[in-house]
Amino acid sequence: MCWRPSLVALLASAKIKARDLRGKKKEELLKQLDDLKVELSQLRVAKVTGGAASKLSKIRVVRKSIARVLTVINQTQKENLRKFYKGKKYKPLDLRPKKTRAMRRRLNKHEENLKTKKQQRKERLYPLRKYAVKA
């Protein structure tokens, strides 16, 4: 059996699991992505030239595998960005909480609880009266 690159790619394209991809480094993922894309192009050529039905059914599997690899790459990239910007004053818009426009414009908890000097003085001088009614 000769080991042509196309044959290796076809044998290696068993259904890829996302959990297996998460442990890999970015370079490995990009290499795997290139292999899958090459395989997909070969399968599309086989489709045009009237290839076997097994190859035609493999197109969907390879497409989904490419999607999985891209998803894992994007998720890890976003996760690393979140770690990098954690605790920083400014964050990119896509890393900020989405919420609604009104909620984003609302005062935060600290700002809501702030009181003016006059209000503080009033509360200090006139505290809430505590008394009980004797029955």
N, C-alpha and C. Protein backbone atom coordinates (compact mmCIF):
# COMPACT_ATOMS: atom_id res chain seq x y z
N MET A 1 0.86 -1.18 0.00
CA MET A 1 0.00 0.00 0.00
C MET A 1 0.89 1.23 0.00
N CYS A 2 0.73 2.12 -1.00
CA CYS A 2 1.56 3.32 -1.05
C CYS A 2 0.88 4.45 -0.28
N TRP A 3 1.67 5.25 0.41
CA TRP A 3 1.12 6.32 1.26
C TRP A 3 1.18 7.66 0.55
N ARG A 4 0.22 7.87 -0.32
CA ARG A 4 0.10 9.16 -0.98
C ARG A 4 -0.55 10.14 0.01
N PRO A 5 -0.25 11.44 -0.09
CA PRO A 5 -0.86 12.42 0.83
C PRO A 5 -2.38 12.39 0.80
N SER A 6 -2.96 12.17 -0.38
CA SER A 6 -4.42 12.16 -0.48
C SER A 6 -5.00 10.97 0.29
N LEU A 7 -4.32 9.84 0.20
CA LEU A 7 -4.80 8.63 0.88
C LEU A 7 -4.70 8.80 2.40
N VAL A 8 -3.60 9.41 2.85
CA VAL A 8 -3.42 9.66 4.28
C VAL A 8 -4.52 10.57 4.79
N ALA A 9 -4.83 11.61 4.00
CA ALA A 9 -5.87 12.56 4.39
C ALA A 9 -7.23 11.88 4.48
N LEU A 10 -7.50 10.98 3.54
CA LEU A 10 -8.79 10.28 3.56
C LEU A 10 -8.91 9.35 4.76
N LEU A 11 -7.81 8.67 5.09
CA LEU A 11 -7.86 7.76 6.23
C LEU A 11 -7.93 8.51 7.55
N ALA A 12 -7.30 9.69 7.59
CA ALA A 12 -7.25 10.45 8.84
C ALA A 12 -8.56 11.17 9.14
N SER A 13 -9.47 11.20 8.19
CA SER A 13 -10.67 12.03 8.36
C SER A 13 -11.82 11.27 9.01
N ALA A 14 -11.52 10.49 10.02
CA ALA A 14 -12.60 9.94 10.82
C ALA A 14 -13.22 11.12 11.55
N LYS A 15 -14.46 10.95 12.02
CA LYS A 15 -15.15 12.10 12.61
C LYS A 15 -14.32 12.71 13.74
N ILE A 16 -14.08 14.01 13.62
CA ILE A 16 -13.24 14.72 14.59
C ILE A 16 -14.10 15.20 15.75
N LYS A 17 -13.61 15.00 16.95
CA LYS A 17 -14.34 15.44 18.14
C LYS A 17 -13.72 16.75 18.64
N ALA A 18 -14.57 17.67 19.05
CA ALA A 18 -14.10 18.98 19.51
C ALA A 18 -13.26 18.84 20.78
N ARG A 19 -13.60 17.88 21.63
CA ARG A 19 -12.84 17.73 22.88
C ARG A 19 -11.39 17.31 22.61
N ASP A 20 -11.17 16.58 21.51
CA ASP A 20 -9.81 16.19 21.15
C ASP A 20 -9.02 17.40 20.61
N LEU A 21 -9.75 18.30 19.96
CA LEU A 21 -9.10 19.47 19.35
C LEU A 21 -8.67 20.49 20.40
N ARG A 22 -9.40 20.55 21.51
CA ARG A 22 -9.12 21.60 22.50
C ARG A 22 -7.74 21.48 23.14
N GLY A 23 -7.21 20.27 23.20
CA GLY A 23 -5.89 20.09 23.80
C GLY A 23 -4.74 20.44 22.87
N LYS A 24 -5.03 20.60 21.58
CA LYS A 24 -3.97 20.85 20.60
C LYS A 24 -3.55 22.31 20.57
N LYS A 25 -2.32 22.55 20.06
CA LYS A 25 -1.82 23.91 19.90
C LYS A 25 -2.38 24.50 18.61
N LYS A 26 -2.28 25.82 18.50
CA LYS A 26 -2.84 26.52 17.35
C LYS A 26 -2.21 26.06 16.03
N GLU A 27 -0.88 25.84 16.05
CA GLU A 27 -0.19 25.41 14.82
C GLU A 27 -0.72 24.06 14.33
N GLU A 28 -0.94 23.15 15.29
CA GLU A 28 -1.47 21.82 14.95
C GLU A 28 -2.87 21.95 14.36
N LEU A 29 -3.68 22.83 14.96
CA LEU A 29 -5.05 23.02 14.47
C LEU A 29 -5.04 23.60 13.06
N LEU A 30 -4.15 24.56 12.82
CA LEU A 30 -4.07 25.16 11.48
C LEU A 30 -3.60 24.14 10.45
N LYS A 31 -2.67 23.27 10.85
CA LYS A 31 -2.20 22.22 9.94
C LYS A 31 -3.34 21.25 9.62
N GLN A 32 -4.08 20.89 10.67
CA GLN A 32 -5.22 19.98 10.47
C GLN A 32 -6.28 20.62 9.56
N LEU A 33 -6.47 21.93 9.75
CA LEU A 33 -7.43 22.67 8.93
C LEU A 33 -7.01 22.64 7.46
N ASP A 34 -5.73 22.86 7.20
CA ASP A 34 -5.23 22.81 5.83
C ASP A 34 -5.43 21.43 5.22
N ASP A 35 -5.14 20.38 6.01
CA ASP A 35 -5.31 19.01 5.52
C ASP A 35 -6.77 18.75 5.16
N LEU A 36 -7.67 19.22 6.03
CA LEU A 36 -9.10 19.01 5.78
C LEU A 36 -9.56 19.76 4.53
N LYS A 37 -9.02 20.96 4.35
CA LYS A 37 -9.41 21.75 3.16
C LYS A 37 -8.91 21.09 1.87
N VAL A 38 -7.70 20.55 1.95
CA VAL A 38 -7.15 19.82 0.79
C VAL A 38 -8.03 18.61 0.49
N GLU A 39 -8.38 17.90 1.53
CA GLU A 39 -9.23 16.72 1.37
C GLU A 39 -10.59 17.09 0.77
N LEU A 40 -11.14 18.20 1.24
CA LEU A 40 -12.44 18.65 0.72
C LEU A 40 -12.35 18.98 -0.76
N SER A 41 -11.27 19.65 -1.15
CA SER A 41 -11.11 19.98 -2.57
C SER A 41 -10.98 18.72 -3.41
N GLN A 42 -10.27 17.71 -2.89
CA GLN A 42 -10.13 16.44 -3.61
C GLN A 42 -11.49 15.74 -3.73
N LEU A 43 -12.27 15.80 -2.67
CA LEU A 43 -13.59 15.18 -2.70
C LEU A 43 -14.51 15.88 -3.69
N ARG A 44 -14.37 17.20 -3.78
CA ARG A 44 -15.20 17.95 -4.73
C ARG A 44 -14.81 17.63 -6.18
N VAL A 45 -13.52 17.42 -6.39
CA VAL A 45 -13.05 16.99 -7.73
C VAL A 45 -13.64 15.62 -8.05
N ALA A 46 -13.60 14.73 -7.05
CA ALA A 46 -14.15 13.38 -7.24
C ALA A 46 -15.64 13.45 -7.55
N LYS A 47 -16.33 14.40 -6.95
CA LYS A 47 -17.77 14.56 -7.18
C LYS A 47 -18.04 14.94 -8.64
N VAL A 48 -17.23 15.88 -9.15
CA VAL A 48 -17.40 16.34 -10.53
C VAL A 48 -17.05 15.24 -11.52
N THR A 49 -16.00 14.49 -11.21
CA THR A 49 -15.54 13.44 -12.13
C THR A 49 -16.33 12.14 -11.97
N GLY A 50 -17.34 12.18 -11.10
CA GLY A 50 -18.18 10.99 -10.92
C GLY A 50 -17.53 9.97 -10.02
N GLY A 51 -17.16 10.38 -8.84
CA GLY A 51 -16.51 9.49 -7.88
C GLY A 51 -17.50 8.56 -7.20
N ALA A 52 -16.99 7.74 -6.31
CA ALA A 52 -17.80 6.76 -5.59
C ALA A 52 -18.75 7.47 -4.62
N ALA A 53 -19.82 6.78 -4.28
CA ALA A 53 -20.82 7.34 -3.37
C ALA A 53 -20.24 7.57 -1.97
N SER A 54 -19.28 6.73 -1.59
CA SER A 54 -18.66 6.88 -0.26
C SER A 54 -17.91 8.21 -0.16
N LYS A 55 -17.30 8.62 -1.29
CA LYS A 55 -16.59 9.90 -1.29
C LYS A 55 -17.58 11.06 -1.23
N LEU A 56 -18.69 10.91 -1.91
CA LEU A 56 -19.69 11.98 -1.91
C LEU A 56 -20.27 12.18 -0.52
N SER A 57 -20.50 11.08 0.19
CA SER A 57 -21.06 11.19 1.54
C SER A 57 -20.02 11.74 2.52
N LYS A 58 -18.75 11.63 2.15
CA LYS A 58 -17.68 12.11 3.03
C LYS A 58 -17.56 13.63 3.00
N ILE A 59 -18.07 14.27 1.95
CA ILE A 59 -17.98 15.73 1.82
C ILE A 59 -18.60 16.41 3.04
N ARG A 60 -19.77 15.94 3.44
CA ARG A 60 -20.47 16.55 4.58
C ARG A 60 -19.65 16.41 5.87
N VAL A 61 -19.09 15.22 6.08
CA VAL A 61 -18.29 14.96 7.29
C VAL A 61 -17.09 15.89 7.34
N VAL A 62 -16.41 16.06 6.20
CA VAL A 62 -15.21 16.90 6.14
C VAL A 62 -15.59 18.37 6.37
N ARG A 63 -16.70 18.80 5.78
CA ARG A 63 -17.15 20.18 5.97
C ARG A 63 -17.43 20.46 7.45
N LYS A 64 -18.10 19.52 8.10
CA LYS A 64 -18.42 19.69 9.53
C LYS A 64 -17.13 19.67 10.37
N SER A 65 -16.16 18.85 9.95
CA SER A 65 -14.89 18.80 10.68
C SER A 65 -14.15 20.13 10.57
N ILE A 66 -14.18 20.72 9.37
CA ILE A 66 -13.56 22.03 9.17
C ILE A 66 -14.23 23.05 10.09
N ALA A 67 -15.55 22.99 10.16
CA ALA A 67 -16.30 23.91 11.01
C ALA A 67 -15.91 23.74 12.48
N ARG A 68 -15.72 22.48 12.90
CA ARG A 68 -15.33 22.20 14.29
C ARG A 68 -13.96 22.79 14.60
N VAL A 69 -13.02 22.58 13.68
CA VAL A 69 -11.66 23.08 13.90
C VAL A 69 -11.68 24.61 13.98
N LEU A 70 -12.40 25.26 13.08
CA LEU A 70 -12.49 26.72 13.10
C LEU A 70 -13.15 27.22 14.38
N THR A 71 -14.18 26.51 14.82
CA THR A 71 -14.88 26.89 16.05
C THR A 71 -13.94 26.83 17.24
N VAL A 72 -13.17 25.75 17.34
CA VAL A 72 -12.24 25.59 18.46
C VAL A 72 -11.16 26.68 18.41
N ILE A 73 -10.65 26.98 17.22
CA ILE A 73 -9.63 28.02 17.07
C ILE A 73 -10.19 29.36 17.55
N ASN A 74 -11.40 29.70 17.09
CA ASN A 74 -12.01 30.98 17.46
C ASN A 74 -12.32 31.06 18.94
N GLN A 75 -12.81 29.97 19.51
CA GLN A 75 -13.16 29.97 20.94
C GLN A 75 -11.93 30.13 21.81
N THR A 76 -10.84 29.42 21.46
CA THR A 76 -9.62 29.54 22.27
C THR A 76 -9.03 30.94 22.14
N GLN A 77 -9.11 31.51 20.94
CA GLN A 77 -8.61 32.86 20.71
C GLN A 77 -9.38 33.87 21.58
N LYS A 78 -10.70 33.72 21.60
CA LYS A 78 -11.53 34.63 22.38
C LYS A 78 -11.27 34.44 23.89
N GLU A 79 -11.09 33.20 24.30
CA GLU A 79 -10.81 32.90 25.71
C GLU A 79 -9.49 33.54 26.14
N ASN A 80 -8.47 33.47 25.28
CA ASN A 80 -7.19 34.09 25.59
C ASN A 80 -7.31 35.61 25.66
N LEU A 81 -8.12 36.18 24.78
CA LEU A 81 -8.34 37.63 24.82
C LEU A 81 -9.05 38.03 26.11
N ARG A 82 -10.02 37.22 26.53
CA ARG A 82 -10.72 37.51 27.80
C ARG A 82 -9.74 37.51 28.97
N LYS A 83 -8.84 36.52 28.99
CA LYS A 83 -7.83 36.46 30.05
C LYS A 83 -6.93 37.69 30.01
N PHE A 84 -6.54 38.10 28.80
CA PHE A 84 -5.64 39.24 28.64
C PHE A 84 -6.28 40.54 29.13
N TYR A 85 -7.56 40.74 28.81
CA TYR A 85 -8.24 41.99 29.15
C TYR A 85 -8.90 41.98 30.53
N LYS A 86 -8.81 40.86 31.24
CA LYS A 86 -9.44 40.77 32.57
C LYS A 86 -8.79 41.77 33.51
N GLY A 87 -9.61 42.61 34.12
CA GLY A 87 -9.11 43.60 35.06
C GLY A 87 -8.60 44.89 34.42
N LYS A 88 -8.59 44.96 33.10
CA LYS A 88 -8.16 46.19 32.42
C LYS A 88 -9.32 47.19 32.41
N LYS A 89 -8.98 48.46 32.25
CA LYS A 89 -10.02 49.50 32.28
C LYS A 89 -10.88 49.44 31.01
N TYR A 90 -10.25 49.28 29.87
CA TYR A 90 -10.99 49.25 28.60
C TYR A 90 -10.90 47.86 27.99
N LYS A 91 -12.01 47.42 27.40
CA LYS A 91 -12.06 46.12 26.72
C LYS A 91 -12.60 46.32 25.32
N PRO A 92 -12.28 45.44 24.41
CA PRO A 92 -12.91 45.51 23.08
C PRO A 92 -14.42 45.32 23.21
N LEU A 93 -15.16 45.91 22.29
CA LEU A 93 -16.62 45.90 22.38
C LEU A 93 -17.19 44.49 22.42
N ASP A 94 -16.60 43.57 21.67
CA ASP A 94 -17.15 42.21 21.62
C ASP A 94 -16.87 41.41 22.88
N LEU A 95 -15.99 41.92 23.77
CA LEU A 95 -15.73 41.22 25.04
C LEU A 95 -16.55 41.81 26.19
N ARG A 96 -17.21 42.92 25.94
CA ARG A 96 -18.04 43.53 26.98
C ARG A 96 -19.37 42.81 27.05
N PRO A 97 -20.07 42.89 28.22
CA PRO A 97 -21.38 42.23 28.29
C PRO A 97 -22.38 42.89 27.34
N LYS A 98 -23.17 42.08 26.66
CA LYS A 98 -24.08 42.60 25.62
C LYS A 98 -25.25 43.35 26.22
N LYS A 99 -26.05 42.67 27.03
CA LYS A 99 -27.23 43.25 27.68
C LYS A 99 -28.10 44.00 26.67
N THR A 100 -28.87 44.99 27.16
CA THR A 100 -29.65 45.82 26.24
C THR A 100 -29.04 47.22 26.27
N ARG A 101 -29.40 48.04 25.31
CA ARG A 101 -28.81 49.37 25.23
C ARG A 101 -29.11 50.17 26.49
N ALA A 102 -30.37 50.07 26.95
CA ALA A 102 -30.78 50.81 28.16
C ALA A 102 -29.98 50.33 29.38
N MET A 103 -29.79 49.02 29.49
CA MET A 103 -29.04 48.47 30.63
C MET A 103 -27.58 48.91 30.61
N ARG A 104 -27.00 49.03 29.42
CA ARG A 104 -25.61 49.46 29.31
C ARG A 104 -25.45 50.92 29.71
N ARG A 105 -26.49 51.72 29.50
CA ARG A 105 -26.42 53.14 29.82
C ARG A 105 -26.78 53.45 31.27
N ARG A 106 -27.35 52.47 31.94
CA ARG A 106 -27.77 52.65 33.33
C ARG A 106 -26.56 52.86 34.24
N LEU A 107 -26.80 53.53 35.37
CA LEU A 107 -25.73 53.70 36.36
C LEU A 107 -25.38 52.34 36.96
N ASN A 108 -24.11 52.19 37.33
CA ASN A 108 -23.75 50.92 37.98
C ASN A 108 -24.14 50.98 39.46
N LYS A 109 -24.01 49.86 40.16
CA LYS A 109 -24.47 49.76 41.55
C LYS A 109 -23.82 50.83 42.43
N HIS A 110 -22.52 51.03 42.28
CA HIS A 110 -21.81 52.00 43.11
C HIS A 110 -22.37 53.42 42.89
N GLU A 111 -22.55 53.77 41.61
CA GLU A 111 -23.06 55.11 41.29
C GLU A 111 -24.48 55.31 41.79
N GLU A 112 -25.28 54.24 41.73
CA GLU A 112 -26.67 54.34 42.21
C GLU A 112 -26.71 54.62 43.71
N ASN A 113 -25.78 54.04 44.47
CA ASN A 113 -25.80 54.15 45.92
C ASN A 113 -25.14 55.41 46.46
N LEU A 114 -24.50 56.19 45.60
CA LEU A 114 -23.86 57.42 46.07
C LEU A 114 -24.92 58.42 46.53
N LYS A 115 -24.58 59.21 47.59
CA LYS A 115 -25.51 60.21 48.12
C LYS A 115 -24.82 61.55 48.17
N THR A 116 -25.60 62.61 48.03
CA THR A 116 -25.04 63.95 48.10
C THR A 116 -24.68 64.27 49.56
N LYS A 117 -23.88 65.30 49.76
CA LYS A 117 -23.50 65.73 51.12
C LYS A 117 -24.76 66.09 51.92
N LYS A 118 -25.68 66.78 51.24
CA LYS A 118 -26.91 67.22 51.91
C LYS A 118 -27.74 66.02 52.37
N GLN A 119 -27.83 65.02 51.51
CA GLN A 119 -28.60 63.81 51.84
C GLN A 119 -27.96 63.08 53.02
N GLN A 120 -26.63 62.98 53.00
CA GLN A 120 -25.92 62.31 54.10
C GLN A 120 -26.15 63.04 55.42
N ARG A 121 -26.09 64.37 55.38
CA ARG A 121 -26.30 65.18 56.59
C ARG A 121 -27.72 64.99 57.12
N LYS A 122 -28.68 64.99 56.20
CA LYS A 122 -30.09 64.85 56.57
C LYS A 122 -30.32 63.50 57.27
N GLU A 123 -29.73 62.44 56.72
CA GLU A 123 -29.89 61.11 57.31
C GLU A 123 -29.21 61.00 58.67
N ARG A 124 -28.10 61.72 58.81
CA ARG A 124 -27.38 61.69 60.09
C ARG A 124 -28.15 62.45 61.18
N LEU A 125 -28.68 63.60 60.81
CA LEU A 125 -29.38 64.44 61.80
C LEU A 125 -30.78 63.94 62.14
N TYR A 126 -31.40 63.33 61.17
CA TYR A 126 -32.77 62.85 61.39
C TYR A 126 -32.86 61.35 61.10
N PRO A 127 -32.32 60.54 62.00
CA PRO A 127 -32.37 59.09 61.77
C PRO A 127 -33.80 58.57 61.89
N LEU A 128 -34.00 57.36 61.42
CA LEU A 128 -35.33 56.74 61.48
C LEU A 128 -35.69 56.52 62.94
N ARG A 129 -36.86 56.98 63.34
CA ARG A 129 -37.30 56.86 64.73
C ARG A 129 -37.74 55.43 65.00
N LYS A 130 -37.30 54.90 66.13
CA LYS A 130 -37.69 53.54 66.49
C LYS A 130 -38.56 53.62 67.72
N TYR A 131 -39.78 53.16 67.61
CA TYR A 131 -40.65 53.15 68.77
C TYR A 131 -41.64 52.02 68.64
N ALA A 132 -42.19 51.61 69.80
CA ALA A 132 -43.19 50.55 69.80
C ALA A 132 -44.46 51.09 70.44
N VAL A 133 -45.60 50.65 69.94
CA VAL A 133 -46.88 51.07 70.49
C VAL A 133 -47.29 50.07 71.56
N LYS A 134 -47.58 50.59 72.73
CA LYS A 134 -47.99 49.71 73.83
C LYS A 134 -49.49 49.43 73.68
N ALA A 135 -49.85 48.17 73.70
CA ALA A 135 -51.24 47.82 73.49
C ALA A 135 -52.03 47.80 74.80
